[in-house]
Amino acid sequence: RRGEPTTMPGVSATTAGTAFGFALQVYINSVRKLPLTRRPWQYAVLMGAGAVAANAIVDFEEQMEADIERTLAARKDSNRRRFGSNE
């Protein structure tokens, strides 16, 4: 269905962020020509940071969508008062 949110967007954002953090650490180690398992705590740190960042993006998008809806409703109301209702 169009326009409806997907089921559990927070879970998919968390998964995507975690995967991005893991891939970033693998890339960093491979560019530096280090063993992939060197300093495994860095994987956990980047995976956690990726999950937090992805969830923050989802929250930001939801807040911006609500702000836009409020702004459009206020402008629509203002235009109705200013020009009269043509509907």
PDB file of N, CA and C in Angstrom:
ATOM      1  N   ARG A   1       0.832  -1.184   0.000  1.00  0.00           N
ATOM      2  CA  ARG A   1       0.000   0.000   0.000  1.00  0.00           C
ATOM      3  C   ARG A   1       0.871   1.240   0.000  1.00  0.00           C
ATOM      4  N   ARG A   2       0.518   2.172  -0.810  1.00  0.00           N
ATOM      5  CA  ARG A   2       1.301   3.398  -0.903  1.00  0.00           C
ATOM      6  C   ARG A   2       0.958   4.348   0.231  1.00  0.00           C
ATOM      7  N   GLY A   3       1.972   5.082   0.683  1.00  0.00           N
ATOM      8  CA  GLY A   3       1.758   6.095   1.686  1.00  0.00           C
ATOM      9  C   GLY A   3       1.727   5.592   3.104  1.00  0.00           C
ATOM     10  N   GLU A   4       1.708   4.281   3.289  1.00  0.00           N
ATOM     11  CA  GLU A   4       1.695   3.730   4.634  1.00  0.00           C
ATOM     12  C   GLU A   4       3.114   3.369   5.045  1.00  0.00           C
ATOM     13  N   PRO A   5       3.450   3.592   6.326  1.00  0.00           N
ATOM     14  CA  PRO A   5       4.806   3.242   6.765  1.00  0.00           C
ATOM     15  C   PRO A   5       5.023   1.732   6.727  1.00  0.00           C
ATOM     16  N   THR A   6       6.256   1.363   6.508  1.00  0.00           N
ATOM     17  CA  THR A   6       6.580  -0.056   6.501  1.00  0.00           C
ATOM     18  C   THR A   6       6.512  -0.579   7.933  1.00  0.00           C
ATOM     19  N   THR A   7       6.415  -1.870   8.069  1.00  0.00           N
ATOM     20  CA  THR A   7       6.325  -2.444   9.407  1.00  0.00           C
ATOM     21  C   THR A   7       7.673  -2.312  10.106  1.00  0.00           C
ATOM     22  N   MET A   8       7.642  -1.848  11.325  1.00  0.00           N
ATOM     23  CA  MET A   8       8.808  -1.686  12.176  1.00  0.00           C
ATOM     24  C   MET A   8       9.976  -0.971  11.487  1.00  0.00           C
ATOM     25  N   PRO A   9       9.812   0.316  11.129  1.00  0.00           N
ATOM     26  CA  PRO A   9      10.908   1.010  10.455  1.00  0.00           C
ATOM     27  C   PRO A   9      12.136   1.156  11.338  1.00  0.00           C
ATOM     28  N   GLY A  10      11.953   1.176  12.657  1.00  0.00           N
ATOM     29  CA  GLY A  10      13.095   1.285  13.552  1.00  0.00           C
ATOM     30  C   GLY A  10      13.995   0.068  13.485  1.00  0.00           C
ATOM     31  N   VAL A  11      13.407  -1.100  13.317  1.00  0.00           N
ATOM     32  CA  VAL A  11      14.198  -2.329  13.243  1.00  0.00           C
ATOM     33  C   VAL A  11      15.009  -2.355  11.960  1.00  0.00           C
ATOM     34  N   SER A  12      14.406  -1.965  10.851  1.00  0.00           N
ATOM     35  CA  SER A  12      15.152  -1.972   9.598  1.00  0.00           C
ATOM     36  C   SER A  12      16.222  -0.889   9.594  1.00  0.00           C
ATOM     37  N   ALA A  13      15.958   0.269  10.211  1.00  0.00           N
ATOM     38  CA  ALA A  13      16.976   1.320  10.306  1.00  0.00           C
ATOM     39  C   ALA A  13      18.130   0.856  11.180  1.00  0.00           C
ATOM     40  N   THR A  14      17.814   0.196  12.275  1.00  0.00           N
ATOM     41  CA  THR A  14      18.863  -0.320  13.161  1.00  0.00           C
ATOM     42  C   THR A  14      19.708  -1.357  12.443  1.00  0.00           C
ATOM     43  N   THR A  15      19.064  -2.247  11.724  1.00  0.00           N
ATOM     44  CA  THR A  15      19.784  -3.281  10.982  1.00  0.00           C
ATOM     45  C   THR A  15      20.672  -2.663   9.904  1.00  0.00           C
ATOM     46  N   ALA A  16      20.136  -1.700   9.167  1.00  0.00           N
ATOM     47  CA  ALA A  16      20.908  -1.053   8.113  1.00  0.00           C
ATOM     48  C   ALA A  16      22.093  -0.286   8.696  1.00  0.00           C
ATOM     49  N   GLY A  17      21.872   0.426   9.791  1.00  0.00           N
ATOM     50  CA  GLY A  17      22.955   1.164  10.425  1.00  0.00           C
ATOM     51  C   GLY A  17      24.040   0.259  10.965  1.00  0.00           C
ATOM     52  N   THR A  18      23.629  -0.849  11.551  1.00  0.00           N
ATOM     53  CA  THR A  18      24.594  -1.815  12.078  1.00  0.00           C
ATOM     54  C   THR A  18      25.412  -2.424  10.943  1.00  0.00           C
ATOM     55  N   ALA A  19      24.752  -2.778   9.864  1.00  0.00           N
ATOM     56  CA  ALA A  19      25.454  -3.352   8.709  1.00  0.00           C
ATOM     57  C   ALA A  19      26.418  -2.334   8.105  1.00  0.00           C
ATOM     58  N   PHE A  20      26.006  -1.066   8.057  1.00  0.00           N
ATOM     59  CA  PHE A  20      26.887  -0.029   7.523  1.00  0.00           C
ATOM     60  C   PHE A  20      28.117   0.140   8.405  1.00  0.00           C
ATOM     61  N   GLY A  21      27.933   0.147   9.722  1.00  0.00           N
ATOM     62  CA  GLY A  21      29.065   0.261  10.634  1.00  0.00           C
ATOM     63  C   GLY A  21      30.037  -0.894  10.491  1.00  0.00           C
ATOM     64  N   PHE A  22      29.505  -2.097  10.357  1.00  0.00           N
ATOM     65  CA  PHE A  22      30.352  -3.278  10.169  1.00  0.00           C
ATOM     66  C   PHE A  22      31.127  -3.181   8.850  1.00  0.00           C
ATOM     67  N   ALA A  23      30.430  -2.826   7.778  1.00  0.00           N
ATOM     68  CA  ALA A  23      31.078  -2.724   6.470  1.00  0.00           C
ATOM     69  C   ALA A  23      32.142  -1.625   6.472  1.00  0.00           C
ATOM     70  N   LEU A  24      31.873  -0.545   7.169  1.00  0.00           N
ATOM     71  CA  LEU A  24      32.843   0.543   7.251  1.00  0.00           C
ATOM     72  C   LEU A  24      34.120   0.075   7.939  1.00  0.00           C
ATOM     73  N   GLN A  25      33.991  -0.680   9.010  1.00  0.00           N
ATOM     74  CA  GLN A  25      35.184  -1.171   9.708  1.00  0.00           C
ATOM     75  C   GLN A  25      35.948  -2.171   8.851  1.00  0.00           C
ATOM     76  N   VAL A  26      35.243  -3.030   8.138  1.00  0.00           N
ATOM     77  CA  VAL A  26      35.920  -3.961   7.228  1.00  0.00           C
ATOM     78  C   VAL A  26      36.680  -3.185   6.162  1.00  0.00           C
ATOM     79  N   TYR A  27      36.056  -2.146   5.620  1.00  0.00           N
ATOM     80  CA  TYR A  27      36.709  -1.325   4.589  1.00  0.00           C
ATOM     81  C   TYR A  27      37.947  -0.620   5.158  1.00  0.00           C
ATOM     82  N   ILE A  28      37.815  -0.048   6.356  1.00  0.00           N
ATOM     83  CA  ILE A  28      38.945   0.654   6.976  1.00  0.00           C
ATOM     84  C   ILE A  28      40.123  -0.298   7.170  1.00  0.00           C
ATOM     85  N   ASN A  29      39.859  -1.482   7.689  1.00  0.00           N
ATOM     86  CA  ASN A  29      40.945  -2.444   7.909  1.00  0.00           C
ATOM     87  C   ASN A  29      41.545  -2.925   6.597  1.00  0.00           C
ATOM     88  N   SER A  30      40.719  -3.100   5.565  1.00  0.00           N
ATOM     89  CA  SER A  30      41.268  -3.589   4.301  1.00  0.00           C
ATOM     90  C   SER A  30      42.093  -2.510   3.606  1.00  0.00           C
ATOM     91  N   VAL A  31      41.688  -1.244   3.700  1.00  0.00           N
ATOM     92  CA  VAL A  31      42.467  -0.168   3.087  1.00  0.00           C
ATOM     93  C   VAL A  31      43.823  -0.028   3.785  1.00  0.00           C
ATOM     94  N   ARG A  32      43.817  -0.201   5.089  1.00  0.00           N
ATOM     95  CA  ARG A  32      45.058  -0.107   5.856  1.00  0.00           C
ATOM     96  C   ARG A  32      45.874  -1.392   5.803  1.00  0.00           C
ATOM     97  N   LYS A  33      45.364  -2.392   5.085  1.00  0.00           N
ATOM     98  CA  LYS A  33      46.010  -3.700   4.930  1.00  0.00           C
ATOM     99  C   LYS A  33      46.304  -4.351   6.284  1.00  0.00           C
ATOM    100  N   LEU A  34      45.294  -4.297   7.146  1.00  0.00           N
ATOM    101  CA  LEU A  34      45.370  -4.918   8.461  1.00  0.00           C
ATOM    102  C   LEU A  34      44.508  -6.168   8.468  1.00  0.00           C
ATOM    103  N   PRO A  35      44.767  -7.090   9.386  1.00  0.00           N
ATOM    104  CA  PRO A  35      43.870  -8.245   9.508  1.00  0.00           C
ATOM    105  C   PRO A  35      42.454  -7.767   9.847  1.00  0.00           C
ATOM    106  N   LEU A  36      41.463  -8.416   9.274  1.00  0.00           N
ATOM    107  CA  LEU A  36      40.080  -7.968   9.474  1.00  0.00           C
ATOM    108  C   LEU A  36      39.636  -8.098  10.921  1.00  0.00           C
ATOM    109  N   THR A  37      40.252  -8.992  11.672  1.00  0.00           N
ATOM    110  CA  THR A  37      39.833  -9.198  13.060  1.00  0.00           C
ATOM    111  C   THR A  37      40.670  -8.396  14.055  1.00  0.00           C
ATOM    112  N   ARG A  38      41.463  -7.472  13.585  1.00  0.00           N
ATOM    113  CA  ARG A  38      42.260  -6.652  14.496  1.00  0.00           C
ATOM    114  C   ARG A  38      41.343  -5.683  15.236  1.00  0.00           C
ATOM    115  N   ARG A  39      41.524  -5.582  16.528  1.00  0.00           N
ATOM    116  CA  ARG A  39      40.731  -4.704  17.392  1.00  0.00           C
ATOM    117  C   ARG A  39      39.228  -4.909  17.173  1.00  0.00           C
ATOM    118  N   PRO A  40      38.701  -6.037  17.579  1.00  0.00           N
ATOM    119  CA  PRO A  40      37.281  -6.324  17.329  1.00  0.00           C
ATOM    120  C   PRO A  40      36.325  -5.371  18.038  1.00  0.00           C
ATOM    121  N   TRP A  41      36.776  -4.682  19.082  1.00  0.00           N
ATOM    122  CA  TRP A  41      35.906  -3.718  19.755  1.00  0.00           C
ATOM    123  C   TRP A  41      35.535  -2.570  18.834  1.00  0.00           C
ATOM    124  N   GLN A  42      36.386  -2.284  17.837  1.00  0.00           N
ATOM    125  CA  GLN A  42      36.059  -1.211  16.896  1.00  0.00           C
ATOM    126  C   GLN A  42      34.822  -1.562  16.064  1.00  0.00           C
ATOM    127  N   TYR A  43      34.640  -2.839  15.784  1.00  0.00           N
ATOM    128  CA  TYR A  43      33.439  -3.258  15.074  1.00  0.00           C
ATOM    129  C   TYR A  43      32.203  -2.918  15.889  1.00  0.00           C
ATOM    130  N   ALA A  44      32.248  -3.237  17.180  1.00  0.00           N
ATOM    131  CA  ALA A  44      31.094  -2.963  18.049  1.00  0.00           C
ATOM    132  C   ALA A  44      30.817  -1.461  18.127  1.00  0.00           C
ATOM    133  N   VAL A  45      31.858  -0.661  18.233  1.00  0.00           N
ATOM    134  CA  VAL A  45      31.679   0.790  18.330  1.00  0.00           C
ATOM    135  C   VAL A  45      31.049   1.342  17.054  1.00  0.00           C
ATOM    136  N   LEU A  46      31.588   0.969  15.901  1.00  0.00           N
ATOM    137  CA  LEU A  46      31.045   1.488  14.643  1.00  0.00           C
ATOM    138  C   LEU A  46      29.662   0.932  14.339  1.00  0.00           C
ATOM    139  N   MET A  47      29.396  -0.300  14.716  1.00  0.00           N
ATOM    140  CA  MET A  47      28.053  -0.849  14.515  1.00  0.00           C
ATOM    141  C   MET A  47      27.047  -0.105  15.381  1.00  0.00           C
ATOM    142  N   GLY A  48      27.414   0.182  16.615  1.00  0.00           N
ATOM    143  CA  GLY A  48      26.526   0.949  17.490  1.00  0.00           C
ATOM    144  C   GLY A  48      26.314   2.364  16.983  1.00  0.00           C
ATOM    145  N   ALA A  49      27.376   3.007  16.536  1.00  0.00           N
ATOM    146  CA  ALA A  49      27.257   4.366  16.000  1.00  0.00           C
ATOM    147  C   ALA A  49      26.394   4.378  14.743  1.00  0.00           C
ATOM    148  N   GLY A  50      26.546   3.377  13.904  1.00  0.00           N
ATOM    149  CA  GLY A  50      25.731   3.292  12.700  1.00  0.00           C
ATOM    150  C   GLY A  50      24.255   3.108  13.021  1.00  0.00           C
ATOM    151  N   ALA A  51      23.965   2.292  14.024  1.00  0.00           N
ATOM    152  CA  ALA A  51      22.572   2.067  14.423  1.00  0.00           C
ATOM    153  C   ALA A  51      21.961   3.341  14.991  1.00  0.00           C
ATOM    154  N   VAL A  52      22.716   4.045  15.830  1.00  0.00           N
ATOM    155  CA  VAL A  52      22.216   5.295  16.406  1.00  0.00           C
ATOM    156  C   VAL A  52      21.976   6.330  15.310  1.00  0.00           C
ATOM    157  N   ALA A  53      22.918   6.447  14.379  1.00  0.00           N
ATOM    158  CA  ALA A  53      22.780   7.422  13.298  1.00  0.00           C
ATOM    159  C   ALA A  53      21.582   7.100  12.404  1.00  0.00           C
ATOM    160  N   ALA A  54      21.392   5.849  12.076  1.00  0.00           N
ATOM    161  CA  ALA A  54      20.265   5.471  11.214  1.00  0.00           C
ATOM    162  C   ALA A  54      18.932   5.757  11.900  1.00  0.00           C
ATOM    163  N   ASN A  55      18.836   5.468  13.182  1.00  0.00           N
ATOM    164  CA  ASN A  55      17.600   5.761  13.910  1.00  0.00           C
ATOM    165  C   ASN A  55      17.369   7.266  14.040  1.00  0.00           C
ATOM    166  N   ALA A  56      18.446   8.031  14.191  1.00  0.00           N
ATOM    167  CA  ALA A  56      18.312   9.492  14.263  1.00  0.00           C
ATOM    168  C   ALA A  56      17.793  10.044  12.938  1.00  0.00           C
ATOM    169  N   ILE A  57      18.240   9.470  11.838  1.00  0.00           N
ATOM    170  CA  ILE A  57      17.762   9.913  10.522  1.00  0.00           C
ATOM    171  C   ILE A  57      16.274   9.624  10.372  1.00  0.00           C
ATOM    172  N   VAL A  58      15.839   8.448  10.807  1.00  0.00           N
ATOM    173  CA  VAL A  58      14.418   8.095  10.726  1.00  0.00           C
ATOM    174  C   VAL A  58      13.585   9.060  11.573  1.00  0.00           C
ATOM    175  N   ASP A  59      14.044   9.343  12.801  1.00  0.00           N
ATOM    176  CA  ASP A  59      13.323  10.278  13.672  1.00  0.00           C
ATOM    177  C   ASP A  59      13.270  11.671  13.059  1.00  0.00           C
ATOM    178  N   PHE A  60      14.380  12.109  12.470  1.00  0.00           N
ATOM    179  CA  PHE A  60      14.443  13.426  11.837  1.00  0.00           C
ATOM    180  C   PHE A  60      13.459  13.514  10.670  1.00  0.00           C
ATOM    181  N   GLU A  61      13.403  12.482   9.852  1.00  0.00           N
ATOM    182  CA  GLU A  61      12.481  12.477   8.717  1.00  0.00           C
ATOM    183  C   GLU A  61      11.031  12.537   9.184  1.00  0.00           C
ATOM    184  N   GLU A  62      10.702  11.793  10.233  1.00  0.00           N
ATOM    185  CA  GLU A  62       9.332  11.814  10.762  1.00  0.00           C
ATOM    186  C   GLU A  62       8.987  13.191  11.314  1.00  0.00           C
ATOM    187  N   GLN A  63       9.935  13.829  12.006  1.00  0.00           N
ATOM    188  CA  GLN A  63       9.693  15.161  12.547  1.00  0.00           C
ATOM    189  C   GLN A  63       9.533  16.188  11.434  1.00  0.00           C
ATOM    190  N   MET A  64      10.345  16.098  10.392  1.00  0.00           N
ATOM    191  CA  MET A  64      10.236  17.037   9.278  1.00  0.00           C
ATOM    192  C   MET A  64       8.901  16.855   8.545  1.00  0.00           C
ATOM    193  N   GLU A  65       8.462  15.625   8.407  1.00  0.00           N
ATOM    194  CA  GLU A  65       7.181  15.353   7.764  1.00  0.00           C
ATOM    195  C   GLU A  65       6.037  15.980   8.560  1.00  0.00           C
ATOM    196  N   ALA A  66       6.080  15.851   9.882  1.00  0.00           N
ATOM    197  CA  ALA A  66       5.050  16.458  10.733  1.00  0.00           C
ATOM    198  C   ALA A  66       5.108  17.983  10.656  1.00  0.00           C
ATOM    199  N   ASP A  67       6.306  18.547  10.630  1.00  0.00           N
ATOM    200  CA  ASP A  67       6.455  20.003  10.513  1.00  0.00           C
ATOM    201  C   ASP A  67       5.899  20.519   9.192  1.00  0.00           C
ATOM    202  N   ILE A  68       6.148  19.791   8.127  1.00  0.00           N
ATOM    203  CA  ILE A  68       5.640  20.195   6.810  1.00  0.00           C
ATOM    204  C   ILE A  68       4.122  20.152   6.794  1.00  0.00           C
ATOM    205  N   GLU A  69       3.551  19.091   7.373  1.00  0.00           N
ATOM    206  CA  GLU A  69       2.092  18.985   7.423  1.00  0.00           C
ATOM    207  C   GLU A  69       1.484  20.149   8.200  1.00  0.00           C
ATOM    208  N   ARG A  70       2.105  20.501   9.342  1.00  0.00           N
ATOM    209  CA  ARG A  70       1.609  21.637  10.140  1.00  0.00           C
ATOM    210  C   ARG A  70       1.722  22.943   9.372  1.00  0.00           C
ATOM    211  N   THR A  71       2.846  23.151   8.697  1.00  0.00           N
ATOM    212  CA  THR A  71       3.050  24.379   7.932  1.00  0.00           C
ATOM    213  C   THR A  71       2.056  24.484   6.786  1.00  0.00           C
ATOM    214  N   LEU A  72       1.833  23.390   6.071  1.00  0.00           N
ATOM    215  CA  LEU A  72       0.883  23.409   4.959  1.00  0.00           C
ATOM    216  C   LEU A  72      -0.537  23.661   5.452  1.00  0.00           C
ATOM    217  N   ALA A  73      -0.890  23.078   6.589  1.00  0.00           N
ATOM    218  CA  ALA A  73      -2.228  23.307   7.133  1.00  0.00           C
ATOM    219  C   ALA A  73      -2.392  24.770   7.547  1.00  0.00           C
ATOM    220  N   ALA A  74      -1.358  25.353   8.147  1.00  0.00           N
ATOM    221  CA  ALA A  74      -1.429  26.760   8.552  1.00  0.00           C
ATOM    222  C   ALA A  74      -1.535  27.672   7.336  1.00  0.00           C
ATOM    223  N   ARG A  75      -0.800  27.391   6.300  1.00  0.00           N
ATOM    224  CA  ARG A  75      -0.859  28.208   5.087  1.00  0.00           C
ATOM    225  C   ARG A  75      -2.211  28.067   4.390  1.00  0.00           C
ATOM    226  N   LYS A  76      -2.723  26.863   4.385  1.00  0.00           N
ATOM    227  CA  LYS A  76      -4.021  26.623   3.769  1.00  0.00           C
ATOM    228  C   LYS A  76      -5.106  27.393   4.516  1.00  0.00           C
ATOM    229  N   ASP A  77      -5.042  27.366   5.844  1.00  0.00           N
ATOM    230  CA  ASP A  77      -5.996  28.101   6.666  1.00  0.00           C
ATOM    231  C   ASP A  77      -5.861  29.606   6.440  1.00  0.00           C
ATOM    232  N   SER A  78      -4.618  30.067   6.368  1.00  0.00           N
ATOM    233  CA  SER A  78      -4.366  31.487   6.132  1.00  0.00           C
ATOM    234  C   SER A  78      -4.904  31.923   4.775  1.00  0.00           C
ATOM    235  N   ASN A  79      -4.711  31.112   3.769  1.00  0.00           N
ATOM    236  CA  ASN A  79      -5.210  31.444   2.436  1.00  0.00           C
ATOM    237  C   ASN A  79      -6.737  31.437   2.394  1.00  0.00           C
ATOM    238  N   ARG A  80      -7.360  30.532   3.129  1.00  0.00           N
ATOM    239  CA  ARG A  80      -8.825  30.506   3.176  1.00  0.00           C
ATOM    240  C   ARG A  80      -9.355  31.787   3.814  1.00  0.00           C
ATOM    241  N   ARG A  81      -8.715  32.223   4.904  1.00  0.00           N
ATOM    242  CA  ARG A  81      -9.158  33.462   5.555  1.00  0.00           C
ATOM    243  C   ARG A  81      -8.891  34.662   4.673  1.00  0.00           C
ATOM    244  N   ARG A  82      -7.779  34.656   3.966  1.00  0.00           N
ATOM    245  CA  ARG A  82      -7.405  35.818   3.153  1.00  0.00           C
ATOM    246  C   ARG A  82      -8.224  35.942   1.880  1.00  0.00           C
ATOM    247  N   PHE A  83      -8.411  34.839   1.190  1.00  0.00           N
ATOM    248  CA  PHE A  83      -9.088  34.887  -0.103  1.00  0.00           C
ATOM    249  C   PHE A  83     -10.514  34.343  -0.080  1.00  0.00           C
ATOM    250  N   GLY A  84     -10.948  33.830   1.026  1.00  0.00           N
ATOM    251  CA  GLY A  84     -12.283  33.241   1.111  1.00  0.00           C
ATOM    252  C   GLY A  84     -12.255  31.811   0.630  1.00  0.00           C
ATOM    253  N   SER A  85     -13.239  31.066   1.039  1.00  0.00           N
ATOM    254  CA  SER A  85     -13.300  29.666   0.685  1.00  0.00           C
ATOM    255  C   SER A  85     -13.959  29.506  -0.681  1.00  0.00           C
ATOM    256  N   ASN A  86     -13.270  28.873  -1.602  1.00  0.00           N
ATOM    257  CA  ASN A  86     -13.808  28.605  -2.947  1.00  0.00           C
ATOM    258  C   ASN A  86     -14.259  27.168  -3.082  1.00  0.00           C
ATOM    259  N   GLU A  87     -14.231  26.436  -2.007  1.00  0.00           N
ATOM    260  CA  GLU A  87     -14.576  25.013  -2.080  1.00  0.00           C
ATOM    261  C   GLU A  87     -16.010  24.786  -1.758  1.00  0.00           C
TER     262      GLU A  87
END
